[in-house]
Protein backbone atom coordinates (compact mmCIF):
# COMPACT_ATOMS: atom_id res chain seq x y z
CA MET A 1 0.00 0.00 0.00
CA GLU A 2 1.45 3.36 -1.07
CA LYS A 3 1.72 5.82 1.80
CA THR A 4 2.21 9.56 1.47
CA GLU A 5 4.43 9.95 4.55
CA THR A 6 8.21 10.21 4.31
CA VAL A 7 10.38 8.75 7.08
CA LEU A 8 14.04 9.46 7.80
CA VAL A 9 16.02 6.49 9.13
CA THR A 10 19.52 7.33 10.35
CA GLY A 11 22.28 4.74 9.91
CA GLY A 12 21.01 2.94 6.83
CA THR A 13 23.86 0.40 6.75
CA GLY A 14 23.29 -0.76 10.34
CA PHE A 15 21.91 -4.12 11.43
CA VAL A 16 18.74 -2.51 12.82
CA GLY A 17 18.62 0.44 10.40
CA VAL A 18 18.46 -1.63 7.21
CA GLN A 19 15.82 -3.93 8.73
CA ILE A 20 13.66 -0.87 9.50
CA ILE A 21 14.16 0.46 5.95
CA LEU A 22 13.10 -2.93 4.53
CA GLN A 23 9.90 -3.00 6.60
CA LEU A 24 9.06 0.65 5.80
CA LEU A 25 9.50 0.09 2.04
CA GLN A 26 7.39 -3.08 2.26
CA LYS A 27 4.65 -0.98 3.89
CA GLY A 28 4.85 1.61 1.12
CA TYR A 29 6.51 4.51 2.93
CA LYS A 30 8.91 6.91 1.23
CA VAL A 31 12.24 6.59 3.02
CA HIS A 32 15.19 8.92 3.45
CA THR A 33 18.27 7.38 5.02
CA THR A 34 21.60 8.76 6.18
CA LEU A 35 25.02 7.22 5.61
CA ARG A 36 28.39 8.44 6.82
CA SER A 37 29.58 7.95 3.24
CA LEU A 38 27.55 7.62 0.05
CA ASN A 39 30.04 4.89 -0.94
CA SER A 40 27.84 2.59 1.18
CA LYS A 41 24.74 3.30 -0.94
CA LYS A 42 25.38 0.37 -3.29
CA LYS A 43 25.74 -2.02 -0.35
CA VAL A 44 22.35 -0.97 1.08
CA ILE A 45 20.63 -1.33 -2.31
CA GLU A 46 22.15 -4.79 -2.85
CA THR A 47 21.04 -5.87 0.64
CA LEU A 48 17.47 -4.68 0.03
CA LYS A 49 17.41 -6.27 -3.45
CA SER A 50 18.43 -9.63 -2.01
CA ASN A 51 15.48 -9.31 0.37
CA GLY A 52 12.80 -8.64 -2.23
CA ILE A 53 12.85 -4.87 -2.84
CA MET A 54 12.94 -4.31 -6.61
CA SER A 55 12.03 -0.61 -6.91
CA PHE A 56 14.07 2.12 -5.23
CA ASP A 57 11.92 5.10 -6.27
CA ASN A 58 10.89 5.54 -2.62
CA LEU A 59 14.44 5.49 -1.18
CA THR A 60 16.77 8.51 -1.04
CA PHE A 61 20.28 8.63 0.48
CA PHE A 62 21.99 11.51 2.29
CA GLU A 63 25.56 11.75 3.56
CA THR A 64 25.61 13.01 7.16
CA ASN A 65 27.60 12.73 10.35
CA LEU A 66 26.31 12.96 13.92
CA ILE A 67 28.98 15.53 14.79
CA TYR A 68 28.34 17.94 11.87
CA ASP A 69 25.32 19.96 10.72
CA ASP A 70 25.92 19.27 7.00
CA ASN A 71 22.94 17.80 5.08
CA TRP A 72 20.67 17.17 8.08
CA ALA A 73 18.21 19.84 6.94
CA LYS A 74 18.12 18.28 3.43
CA ALA A 75 17.71 14.77 4.84
CA MET A 76 14.70 15.83 6.93
CA GLN A 77 12.99 17.92 4.26
CA GLY A 78 9.42 16.68 3.81
CA CYS A 79 9.74 14.04 6.55
CA LYS A 80 6.87 13.42 8.94
CA TYR A 81 8.86 11.03 11.14
CA VAL A 82 12.51 10.52 12.06
CA LEU A 83 13.86 7.21 13.38
CA SER A 84 17.17 7.99 15.08
CA VAL A 85 18.86 4.59 14.95
CA ALA A 86 22.54 5.36 14.27
CA SER A 87 24.85 5.60 17.29
CA PRO A 88 28.63 5.42 17.72
CA VAL A 89 29.85 1.97 18.81
CA PHE A 90 33.02 1.42 20.87
CA PHE A 91 34.76 -1.89 20.34
CA GLU A 92 37.47 -1.11 22.88
CA ILE A 93 37.55 0.87 26.13
CA PRO A 94 38.13 4.48 25.01
CA LYS A 95 41.05 6.41 26.50
CA ASP A 96 38.89 9.50 26.89
CA GLU A 97 35.38 8.34 27.79
CA LYS A 98 33.76 11.80 27.70
CA LYS A 99 35.20 12.54 24.27
CA ALA A 100 34.08 9.12 22.97
CA MET A 101 30.50 9.65 24.21
CA ARG A 102 30.14 13.17 22.84
CA PRO A 103 28.97 12.16 19.30
CA ALA A 104 26.07 10.12 20.73
CA ILE A 105 24.88 12.93 23.00
CA GLU A 106 25.51 15.80 20.58
CA GLY A 107 24.16 13.69 17.72
CA ILE A 108 20.67 13.19 19.18
CA LEU A 109 20.44 16.87 20.13
CA ARG A 110 21.43 17.81 16.56
CA ILE A 111 18.76 15.46 15.16
CA LEU A 112 16.07 16.85 17.47
CA LYS A 113 16.97 20.45 16.60
CA PHE A 114 16.84 19.82 12.84
CA ALA A 115 13.66 17.74 13.22
CA GLN A 116 12.01 20.63 15.00
CA GLU A 117 13.08 23.08 12.29
CA ALA A 118 11.73 20.71 9.60
CA ASN A 119 8.33 20.43 11.37
CA VAL A 120 8.78 16.69 11.91
CA LYS A 121 5.88 15.25 13.94
CA ARG A 122 7.76 12.60 15.94
CA VAL A 123 11.29 11.31 16.53
CA VAL A 124 11.74 7.68 17.63
CA LEU A 125 15.11 7.19 19.33
CA THR A 126 16.84 3.81 19.55
CA SER A 127 18.22 3.77 23.08
CA SER A 128 19.16 0.60 24.97
CA PHE A 129 18.11 -1.63 27.85
CA GLY A 130 21.45 -0.45 29.28
CA ALA A 131 19.72 2.90 29.88
CA VAL A 132 16.89 1.17 31.75
CA GLY A 133 17.70 -1.85 33.83
CA PHE A 134 21.34 -2.28 34.78
CA SER A 135 20.88 -0.67 38.22
CA HIS A 136 17.77 -2.72 39.00
CA THR A 137 19.04 -5.61 41.11
CA ASP A 138 15.90 -6.62 43.04
CA LYS A 139 15.09 -9.97 41.42
CA THR A 140 11.76 -10.28 43.27
CA THR A 141 10.32 -7.49 41.10
CA GLU A 142 10.04 -6.68 37.38
CA THR A 143 12.21 -4.25 35.44
CA THR A 144 10.02 -1.76 33.57
CA GLU A 145 10.33 1.48 31.58
CA GLU A 146 10.11 3.39 34.88
CA ASP A 147 13.65 2.22 35.71
CA TRP A 148 16.85 4.09 34.84
CA THR A 149 20.45 2.86 34.96
CA ASN A 150 22.79 4.94 37.11
CA PRO A 151 25.37 6.29 34.59
CA ASN A 152 28.09 5.95 37.26
CA LEU A 153 27.43 2.23 37.79
CA LYS A 154 30.64 0.18 38.14
CA GLY A 155 31.19 -2.08 35.13
CA LEU A 156 28.94 -0.05 32.80
CA SER A 157 30.56 0.16 29.36
CA ALA A 158 31.17 3.51 27.64
CA TYR A 159 28.71 2.42 24.92
CA GLU A 160 25.87 1.71 27.38
CA LYS A 161 26.67 4.87 29.31
CA SER A 162 26.53 6.91 26.08
CA LYS A 163 23.12 5.40 25.25
CA GLY A 164 21.75 6.33 28.67
CA LEU A 165 23.17 9.85 28.69
CA SER A 166 22.01 10.55 25.13
CA GLU A 167 18.49 9.34 25.98
CA ARG A 168 18.40 11.58 29.07
CA ALA A 169 19.61 14.50 26.92
CA ALA A 170 16.82 13.81 24.40
CA TRP A 171 14.07 13.79 27.03
CA ASN A 172 15.52 16.95 28.58
CA TYR A 173 15.54 18.71 25.19
CA ILE A 174 11.90 17.74 24.51
CA LYS A 175 10.85 18.96 27.95
CA LYS A 176 12.63 22.31 27.74
CA GLU A 177 12.85 23.18 24.03
CA GLY A 178 10.84 20.59 22.09
CA GLY A 179 7.77 22.67 21.34
CA ASN A 180 5.37 20.49 19.31
CA LEU A 181 8.00 17.86 18.49
CA GLU A 182 7.11 14.43 19.90
CA LEU A 183 9.59 11.82 21.17
CA SER A 184 9.28 8.06 21.66
CA VAL A 185 12.14 5.80 22.74
CA ILE A 186 12.83 2.11 22.12
CA ASN A 187 15.07 0.32 24.65
CA PRO A 188 16.13 -3.03 23.15
CA VAL A 189 17.87 -5.80 25.09
CA ALA A 190 20.55 -7.83 23.22
CA ILE A 191 19.51 -7.77 19.54
CA LEU A 192 19.90 -11.02 17.61
CA GLY A 193 17.96 -12.67 14.76
CA PRO A 194 18.48 -12.94 11.02
CA SER A 195 20.88 -10.48 9.41
CA LEU A 196 20.09 -9.08 5.97
CA SER A 197 23.82 -8.75 5.19
CA PRO A 198 27.24 -9.59 6.68
CA HIS A 199 26.84 -6.47 8.87
CA ILE A 200 25.76 -7.80 12.27
CA SER A 201 25.15 -6.28 15.70
CA GLY A 202 27.58 -6.27 18.62
CA SER A 203 25.36 -8.80 20.40
CA PHE A 204 26.52 -11.44 17.89
CA ASP A 205 29.99 -11.28 19.48
CA LEU A 206 28.60 -13.28 22.37
CA LEU A 207 27.67 -16.17 20.06
CA LYS A 208 30.83 -15.78 17.98
CA ASN A 209 33.07 -15.98 21.06
CA LEU A 210 31.25 -19.12 22.18
CA LEU A 211 31.42 -20.78 18.77
CA ASP A 212 34.98 -19.94 17.69
CA GLY A 213 36.50 -21.19 20.95
CA SER A 214 37.76 -17.80 22.15
CA MET A 215 35.52 -18.14 25.23
CA LYS A 216 37.21 -20.95 27.15
CA ILE A 217 34.77 -21.12 30.04
CA ILE A 218 31.10 -20.08 30.18
CA PRO A 219 29.99 -17.55 32.80
CA ASN A 220 26.55 -18.40 34.19
CA LEU A 221 25.00 -15.13 33.02
CA PRO A 222 21.28 -14.74 32.34
CA LEU A 223 20.34 -12.61 29.32
CA ASN A 224 17.34 -11.02 27.64
CA ILE A 225 17.15 -11.24 23.85
CA VAL A 226 15.05 -9.68 21.11
CA ASP A 227 14.83 -10.43 17.39
CA VAL A 228 15.87 -7.60 15.06
CA ARG A 229 12.61 -7.97 13.07
CA ASP A 230 10.64 -7.32 16.26
CA VAL A 231 12.81 -4.29 17.07
CA ALA A 232 12.10 -2.82 13.62
CA ASP A 233 8.38 -3.52 13.99
CA LEU A 234 8.31 -1.79 17.38
CA HIS A 235 10.03 1.32 15.97
CA ILE A 236 7.39 1.60 13.24
CA ARG A 237 4.53 1.12 15.72
CA ALA A 238 6.03 3.76 18.05
CA MET A 239 6.38 6.09 15.06
CA THR A 240 2.66 6.24 14.26
CA HIS A 241 0.71 5.17 17.36
CA PRO A 242 -0.87 8.08 19.32
CA LYS A 243 -0.17 6.30 22.64
CA ALA A 244 3.59 6.22 21.94
CA LYS A 245 4.02 9.99 22.32
CA GLY A 246 6.34 10.76 25.25
CA GLN A 247 6.85 7.07 26.10
CA ARG A 248 9.73 4.61 26.21
CA PHE A 249 9.31 0.92 25.36
CA ILE A 250 11.47 -2.06 26.31
CA ALA A 251 11.98 -4.38 23.32
CA SER A 252 12.46 -7.91 24.63
CA ALA A 253 11.20 -11.38 23.83
CA ASP A 254 9.38 -13.12 26.67
CA GLY A 255 11.51 -14.54 29.47
CA GLN A 256 15.27 -14.91 29.75
CA ILE A 257 17.98 -17.39 28.78
CA SER A 258 21.42 -18.02 30.28
CA LEU A 259 24.74 -18.42 28.47
CA PRO A 260 24.99 -22.12 29.46
CA GLU A 261 21.45 -22.64 28.08
CA ILE A 262 22.48 -20.89 24.83
CA ALA A 263 25.55 -23.16 24.59
CA LYS A 264 23.36 -26.25 25.12
CA LEU A 265 20.89 -25.07 22.45
CA LEU A 266 23.68 -24.46 19.89
CA LYS A 267 25.21 -27.88 20.60
CA GLU A 268 21.86 -29.64 20.22
CA LYS A 269 20.77 -27.86 17.05
CA ASN A 270 24.09 -27.61 15.20
CA PRO A 271 26.79 -29.83 16.74
CA GLU A 272 29.10 -29.20 13.77
CA ALA A 273 29.11 -25.41 14.20
CA ALA A 274 29.31 -25.85 17.98
CA SER A 275 32.29 -28.22 17.97
CA LYS A 276 34.57 -25.65 19.70
CA LEU A 277 32.03 -24.70 22.37
CA PRO A 278 33.43 -24.79 25.91
CA LEU A 279 31.78 -27.18 28.34
CA THR A 280 32.93 -25.76 31.67
CA ILE A 281 30.72 -23.25 33.52
CA LEU A 282 32.46 -20.52 35.50
CA PRO A 283 31.21 -20.35 39.12
CA ASN A 284 29.76 -16.94 40.03
CA TRP A 285 32.12 -16.49 42.99
CA ILE A 286 35.16 -16.73 40.70
CA LEU A 287 33.67 -14.14 38.33
CA ASN A 288 33.01 -11.79 41.25
CA LEU A 289 36.55 -12.30 42.55
CA ALA A 290 38.06 -11.66 39.11
CA ALA A 291 36.01 -8.44 38.89
CA LEU A 292 38.35 -6.93 41.49
CA PHE A 293 41.23 -7.10 39.01
CA ASN A 294 39.77 -7.26 35.48
CA ASN A 295 37.47 -4.83 33.58
CA GLN A 296 35.80 -7.55 31.51
CA ALA A 297 35.05 -9.54 34.67
CA LYS A 298 33.78 -6.32 36.31
CA THR A 299 31.18 -5.99 33.53
CA GLY A 300 30.31 -9.70 33.90
CA SER A 301 29.89 -9.28 37.65
CA MET A 302 27.57 -6.31 37.06
CA PHE A 303 25.48 -8.43 34.64
CA LEU A 304 25.14 -11.14 37.32
CA LYS A 305 23.43 -8.65 39.62
CA VAL A 306 21.01 -7.28 36.98
CA ASN A 307 17.37 -8.25 37.44
CA ARG A 308 16.43 -10.15 34.26
CA ASN A 309 12.69 -10.30 35.04
CA VAL A 310 12.12 -7.79 32.26
CA SER A 311 8.60 -6.68 31.39
CA ASN A 312 7.57 -6.19 27.75
CA VAL A 313 3.93 -5.62 28.70
CA LYS A 314 3.94 -1.90 27.89
CA ALA A 315 4.87 -2.39 24.21
CA LYS A 316 2.22 -5.12 23.94
CA SER A 317 -0.59 -3.22 25.69
CA PHE A 318 0.09 0.28 24.31
CA LEU A 319 1.07 -0.61 20.75
CA GLY A 320 -0.30 -4.11 20.11
CA TRP A 321 3.26 -5.38 19.60
CA MET A 322 3.72 -9.17 19.64
CA PRO A 323 7.26 -10.57 19.18
CA ILE A 324 7.38 -13.05 16.30
CA ALA A 325 10.49 -14.79 17.69
CA ASN A 326 11.26 -16.28 21.10
CA ASN A 327 14.78 -16.46 22.56
CA GLU A 328 15.64 -19.79 20.93
CA GLN A 329 14.36 -18.76 17.48
CA ALA A 330 16.33 -15.48 17.56
CA ILE A 331 19.52 -17.32 18.56
CA LEU A 332 19.17 -19.99 15.87
CA ALA A 333 18.37 -17.36 13.21
CA SER A 334 21.56 -15.57 14.25
CA LEU A 335 23.53 -18.80 13.92
CA ASP A 336 22.12 -19.34 10.40
CA SER A 337 23.17 -15.80 9.40
CA MET A 338 26.68 -16.25 10.82
CA ILE A 339 27.11 -19.45 8.80
CA LYS A 340 25.55 -17.92 5.66
CA TYR A 341 27.91 -14.91 5.67
CA GLY A 342 31.01 -16.85 6.72
CA ILE A 343 31.29 -15.12 10.11
CA ILE A 344 31.81 -18.56 11.62
CA LYS A 345 32.90 -21.67 9.77
């Protein structure tokens, strides 16, 4: 069905961004998308082609950067909605944390300012569960959208901290300067599921490290998982639904799954791919002891304390969202993608 609305999706090459573009084009929207370099345009088109999109009349590319004003006004021209998906990712611990986080915080403020000037109706920001639930340690209760992670929490990565601080900055901007501009926020847990291209999310590292043998011993960490297709669907629902205005929504499949359970699932379903999987489970007390001396263990120790009774009721009740994939399905779809694109042998 052809729609008249135009939507801007930032970060068109990203794992989540390209999935959102695919779903928007399938629904008939006109889509603008931003890339850090227009050299990536061909890659996005090839990815969409291989997933059934044959006409690109409704897709326009713009070269932008979160730290510069250039082209943002052009990218937003005629757009009713903006989905702010792109965010800087840190693969290593940055030497200067504040400097590393600046693009994420300044970037969302830049997007909101230009969206306001372009008379955009609503911005949907991709934040993170790391902005919601990492300080919630009471496992007798549920973690909900009312929760906020303390940005000074020990073991919190610069990436998760940047997501939390940029989300806070966005809400603050809307409250003080937003005028008629609306904001909705999506807070996904670890995003897995089928990849449309070899470009995968950071959450895949967890599976990769298990499968390639670089993880020698399995910490007994519980996790929450969500399928990328469900994340994209939730963004689009939050974009148009009247009830989404001024709200944040946790994106998570039902329940939780631990790393040892993931390892068992991979071994059962694909013993060949899982031949290097470790068998030994690391006792929690050793992980907590190691956290005194090691940054990676410090993050692991923090994850042990996190309450994983995560509620997805708000997204379901407000927006009619129903995840199409459970934890196991998202994990196995990720495995299939990693094999398909040669990420693991």
